[in-house]
N, C-alpha and C. Protein backbone atom coordinates (compact mmCIF):
# COMPACT_ATOMS: atom_id res chain seq x y z
N MET A 1 -18.43 -69.56 21.05
CA MET A 1 -19.67 -69.53 20.07
C MET A 1 -19.25 -69.41 18.81
N VAL A 2 -19.68 -69.86 18.04
CA VAL A 2 -19.62 -69.93 16.10
C VAL A 2 -20.04 -68.65 15.75
N PRO A 3 -19.78 -68.22 14.83
CA PRO A 3 -20.55 -66.96 14.30
C PRO A 3 -21.30 -67.53 13.50
N SER A 4 -22.47 -67.09 12.79
CA SER A 4 -23.25 -67.73 11.74
C SER A 4 -22.52 -67.41 10.15
N GLU A 5 -23.10 -68.00 9.65
CA GLU A 5 -22.65 -68.03 8.19
C GLU A 5 -22.68 -66.53 7.70
N GLY A 6 -21.36 -66.13 7.21
CA GLY A 6 -21.34 -65.08 6.61
C GLY A 6 -20.50 -63.67 7.56
N LYS A 7 -20.26 -64.51 8.26
CA LYS A 7 -19.56 -63.47 9.72
C LYS A 7 -18.36 -64.13 10.21
N VAL A 8 -17.62 -63.48 10.74
CA VAL A 8 -15.78 -63.48 11.05
C VAL A 8 -16.29 -63.54 12.58
N LYS A 9 -15.42 -64.16 12.94
CA LYS A 9 -15.08 -64.01 14.83
C LYS A 9 -14.04 -63.62 14.82
N CYS A 10 -13.39 -62.67 15.93
CA CYS A 10 -12.01 -62.34 16.20
C CYS A 10 -11.88 -62.28 17.53
N ASN A 11 -10.88 -63.25 18.16
CA ASN A 11 -10.74 -62.86 19.36
C ASN A 11 -9.75 -62.22 19.96
N ILE A 12 -9.50 -61.66 20.83
CA ILE A 12 -8.57 -60.61 21.06
C ILE A 12 -8.53 -60.76 22.74
N GLY A 13 -6.71 -61.64 22.92
CA GLY A 13 -6.34 -61.50 24.29
C GLY A 13 -5.84 -60.40 24.89
N ALA A 14 -5.79 -60.25 26.25
CA ALA A 14 -5.02 -59.31 26.95
C ALA A 14 -5.16 -59.45 28.18
N ALA A 15 -4.50 -58.45 29.14
CA ALA A 15 -4.12 -58.54 30.44
C ALA A 15 -4.22 -57.34 31.15
N PHE A 16 -4.38 -57.14 32.19
CA PHE A 16 -4.39 -55.61 32.97
C PHE A 16 -4.03 -55.98 34.45
N PHE A 17 -2.88 -55.58 34.78
CA PHE A 17 -1.92 -54.90 35.79
C PHE A 17 -2.81 -54.18 36.62
N LYS A 18 -3.90 -54.35 37.77
CA LYS A 18 -4.10 -53.29 38.81
C LYS A 18 -2.86 -53.06 39.41
N GLU A 19 -1.94 -53.41 39.99
CA GLU A 19 -1.00 -52.82 40.71
C GLU A 19 -0.12 -52.09 40.51
N SER A 20 0.21 -52.25 39.39
CA SER A 20 1.26 -51.24 38.38
C SER A 20 0.31 -50.43 37.60
N ASN A 21 -0.39 -50.66 37.27
CA ASN A 21 -1.36 -49.73 36.44
C ASN A 21 -1.27 -49.94 34.79
N SER A 22 -0.74 -51.04 34.50
CA SER A 22 -0.25 -50.99 33.23
C SER A 22 -1.21 -52.47 32.57
N MET A 23 -1.14 -52.12 31.16
CA MET A 23 -2.21 -53.38 30.60
C MET A 23 -1.48 -54.16 29.72
N GLY A 24 -1.92 -55.39 29.13
CA GLY A 24 -1.40 -56.02 28.29
C GLY A 24 -1.67 -55.40 26.94
N ILE A 25 -1.52 -56.47 25.83
CA ILE A 25 -2.17 -56.27 24.32
C ILE A 25 -3.18 -55.76 23.65
N GLY A 26 -4.20 -56.26 24.44
CA GLY A 26 -5.54 -56.10 24.29
C GLY A 26 -5.77 -55.42 23.61
N ALA A 27 -6.21 -53.56 23.80
CA ALA A 27 -6.64 -53.09 23.08
C ALA A 27 -5.83 -52.60 21.84
N LEU A 28 -3.95 -52.66 21.99
CA LEU A 28 -3.54 -52.27 20.83
C LEU A 28 -3.43 -53.60 19.61
N ALA A 29 -4.24 -54.70 20.21
CA ALA A 29 -4.22 -55.79 19.19
C ALA A 29 -5.80 -56.10 18.66
N LEU A 30 -6.80 -55.02 19.76
CA LEU A 30 -7.88 -54.96 19.14
C LEU A 30 -7.93 -53.68 17.62
N MET A 31 -6.91 -52.85 17.96
CA MET A 31 -7.21 -51.71 16.91
C MET A 31 -6.19 -52.50 15.80
N GLU A 32 -5.05 -53.31 15.81
CA GLU A 32 -4.62 -54.00 14.75
C GLU A 32 -5.62 -54.68 14.12
N ALA A 33 -6.44 -55.73 14.76
CA ALA A 33 -7.21 -56.59 14.27
C ALA A 33 -8.42 -56.01 12.96
N ILE A 34 -8.84 -54.96 13.86
CA ILE A 34 -9.99 -53.68 13.18
C ILE A 34 -9.47 -53.30 11.86
N ARG A 35 -7.91 -52.69 11.85
CA ARG A 35 -7.61 -52.25 10.65
C ARG A 35 -7.47 -53.51 9.72
N TRP A 36 -6.89 -54.40 10.43
CA TRP A 36 -6.33 -55.75 9.26
C TRP A 36 -7.56 -56.08 8.54
N LEU A 37 -8.88 -56.55 9.53
CA LEU A 37 -10.00 -56.98 8.94
C LEU A 37 -10.45 -56.18 7.80
N ARG A 38 -10.32 -54.51 8.33
CA ARG A 38 -11.26 -53.76 7.38
C ARG A 38 -10.20 -53.58 5.84
N SER A 39 -8.80 -53.93 5.99
CA SER A 39 -8.17 -53.65 4.53
C SER A 39 -8.48 -55.34 4.00
N MET A 40 -9.27 -56.10 4.65
CA MET A 40 -9.53 -57.44 3.54
C MET A 40 -10.58 -57.29 3.24
N ASN A 41 -11.69 -55.96 3.71
CA ASN A 41 -12.97 -55.50 3.27
C ASN A 41 -13.71 -56.78 3.86
N MET A 42 -13.40 -56.99 5.39
CA MET A 42 -14.46 -57.79 6.32
C MET A 42 -15.37 -56.74 6.85
N ASP A 43 -16.36 -56.72 6.60
CA ASP A 43 -17.56 -56.04 7.37
C ASP A 43 -18.18 -56.31 8.53
N ILE A 44 -18.41 -57.87 8.22
CA ILE A 44 -19.41 -58.38 9.36
C ILE A 44 -18.42 -59.30 10.39
N VAL A 45 -17.91 -58.62 11.14
CA VAL A 45 -17.02 -59.36 12.20
C VAL A 45 -17.61 -58.97 13.53
N ILE A 46 -17.53 -59.92 14.26
CA ILE A 46 -17.74 -60.02 15.75
C ILE A 46 -16.52 -60.27 16.40
N PHE A 47 -16.13 -59.38 17.37
CA PHE A 47 -15.04 -59.19 18.03
C PHE A 47 -15.15 -59.53 19.46
N GLU A 48 -14.44 -60.61 19.76
CA GLU A 48 -14.61 -60.80 21.67
C GLU A 48 -13.34 -60.64 21.96
N VAL A 49 -13.62 -59.85 23.28
CA VAL A 49 -12.24 -59.70 23.88
C VAL A 49 -12.25 -60.16 25.66
N ASP A 50 -11.14 -60.43 25.82
CA ASP A 50 -11.35 -61.12 27.30
C ASP A 50 -10.78 -60.15 28.40
N SER A 51 -10.77 -58.86 28.39
CA SER A 51 -10.44 -57.83 28.98
C SER A 51 -11.61 -56.98 29.39
N GLN A 52 -12.05 -57.26 30.26
CA GLN A 52 -13.43 -56.61 30.73
C GLN A 52 -13.01 -54.47 30.63
N ARG A 53 -11.49 -54.09 30.84
CA ARG A 53 -11.52 -52.70 30.49
C ARG A 53 -11.77 -52.43 29.37
N VAL A 54 -10.74 -53.68 28.58
CA VAL A 54 -11.13 -52.99 26.80
C VAL A 54 -12.74 -52.92 26.23
N SER A 55 -13.34 -54.14 27.01
CA SER A 55 -14.98 -53.99 26.52
C SER A 55 -15.64 -52.87 27.22
N ASN A 56 -15.64 -52.29 28.28
CA ASN A 56 -16.06 -51.10 28.87
C ASN A 56 -15.21 -49.79 28.37
N GLY A 57 -13.77 -49.94 27.77
CA GLY A 57 -13.96 -48.49 26.98
C GLY A 57 -13.99 -48.69 25.89
N MET A 58 -14.58 -49.75 24.75
CA MET A 58 -15.34 -49.52 23.75
C MET A 58 -16.56 -49.21 24.22
N LYS A 59 -17.26 -49.51 24.79
CA LYS A 59 -18.75 -49.04 25.57
C LYS A 59 -18.97 -48.00 25.85
N ARG A 60 -17.73 -46.97 26.67
CA ARG A 60 -17.92 -46.00 27.61
C ARG A 60 -18.23 -45.04 26.29
N ARG A 61 -18.82 -43.92 26.31
CA ARG A 61 -18.89 -42.93 25.43
C ARG A 61 -17.92 -41.44 25.87
N SER A 62 -17.56 -41.43 26.91
CA SER A 62 -16.79 -40.32 27.71
C SER A 62 -15.07 -40.53 27.41
N LEU A 63 -14.46 -39.61 27.34
CA LEU A 63 -13.25 -39.40 26.83
C LEU A 63 -12.68 -40.04 27.95
N ASP A 64 -11.81 -40.65 27.45
CA ASP A 64 -10.64 -41.20 28.89
C ASP A 64 -9.36 -40.82 28.17
N PRO A 65 -8.43 -39.28 28.68
CA PRO A 65 -7.05 -39.18 28.28
C PRO A 65 -6.79 -39.52 28.45
N SER A 66 -6.42 -40.88 29.00
CA SER A 66 -4.79 -41.65 29.40
C SER A 66 -4.53 -42.37 28.00
N GLU A 67 -3.38 -43.04 27.81
CA GLU A 67 -3.08 -43.52 26.69
C GLU A 67 -3.65 -44.70 26.39
N PHE A 68 -4.18 -45.25 27.46
CA PHE A 68 -5.20 -46.89 26.91
C PHE A 68 -6.41 -46.05 26.12
N GLY A 69 -7.09 -44.41 27.07
CA GLY A 69 -8.24 -44.21 26.25
C GLY A 69 -7.62 -43.70 24.77
N ILE A 70 -7.07 -42.95 24.90
CA ILE A 70 -6.60 -43.12 23.36
C ILE A 70 -6.60 -43.58 22.21
N ILE A 71 -5.76 -45.16 22.68
CA ILE A 71 -5.95 -46.14 22.06
C ILE A 71 -7.43 -46.77 21.53
N ILE A 72 -8.60 -46.17 22.85
CA ILE A 72 -9.65 -47.15 22.46
C ILE A 72 -10.17 -46.10 21.62
N MET A 73 -10.12 -44.77 21.74
CA MET A 73 -10.51 -44.01 20.84
C MET A 73 -10.11 -44.03 19.23
N GLN A 74 -8.92 -44.76 19.16
CA GLN A 74 -8.31 -44.92 17.84
C GLN A 74 -9.20 -46.29 16.85
N CYS A 75 -9.24 -47.39 18.13
CA CYS A 75 -10.41 -48.26 17.71
C CYS A 75 -11.72 -47.77 17.47
N LYS A 76 -12.29 -46.90 17.89
CA LYS A 76 -13.74 -46.67 17.60
C LYS A 76 -13.76 -45.62 16.29
N GLU A 77 -12.29 -45.03 16.09
CA GLU A 77 -12.46 -44.12 14.75
C GLU A 77 -11.94 -45.26 13.70
N CYS A 78 -11.70 -46.23 13.74
CA CYS A 78 -11.20 -47.21 12.98
C CYS A 78 -12.81 -48.20 12.36
N LEU A 79 -13.72 -48.20 13.67
CA LEU A 79 -14.68 -48.93 13.26
C LEU A 79 -16.03 -47.92 12.55
N PHE A 80 -15.84 -46.86 13.49
CA PHE A 80 -17.27 -46.03 13.22
C PHE A 80 -16.91 -44.79 12.31
N GLY A 81 -15.15 -44.78 11.96
CA GLY A 81 -15.23 -43.48 10.99
C GLY A 81 -15.15 -42.15 11.62
C-alpha cells in the first residue's frame, strides 16, 4: 500500500522462532525506526510490521515483563510519550 501524500511508510521485518522462544530484529528495528523518524520530525508515519508478535505487542495494553515486552514498552513510550 502506498501512503497518501504527506505521510511516510516504514516497513519493519522480523522473525520469531517458537522452538527457541527467541525473536529476530523486529521489535528493536521498530524502536530504532521510531526514534530515527522522530529525530527527523516525521510525525505522520505508517508503520508496517511483518511480525504478528510485534503487532500484537503494540496493541496489547497489559505489561509483558519479558525482554521482548520491555522493548515493546519502549516503542510505545517513544510513540506516545
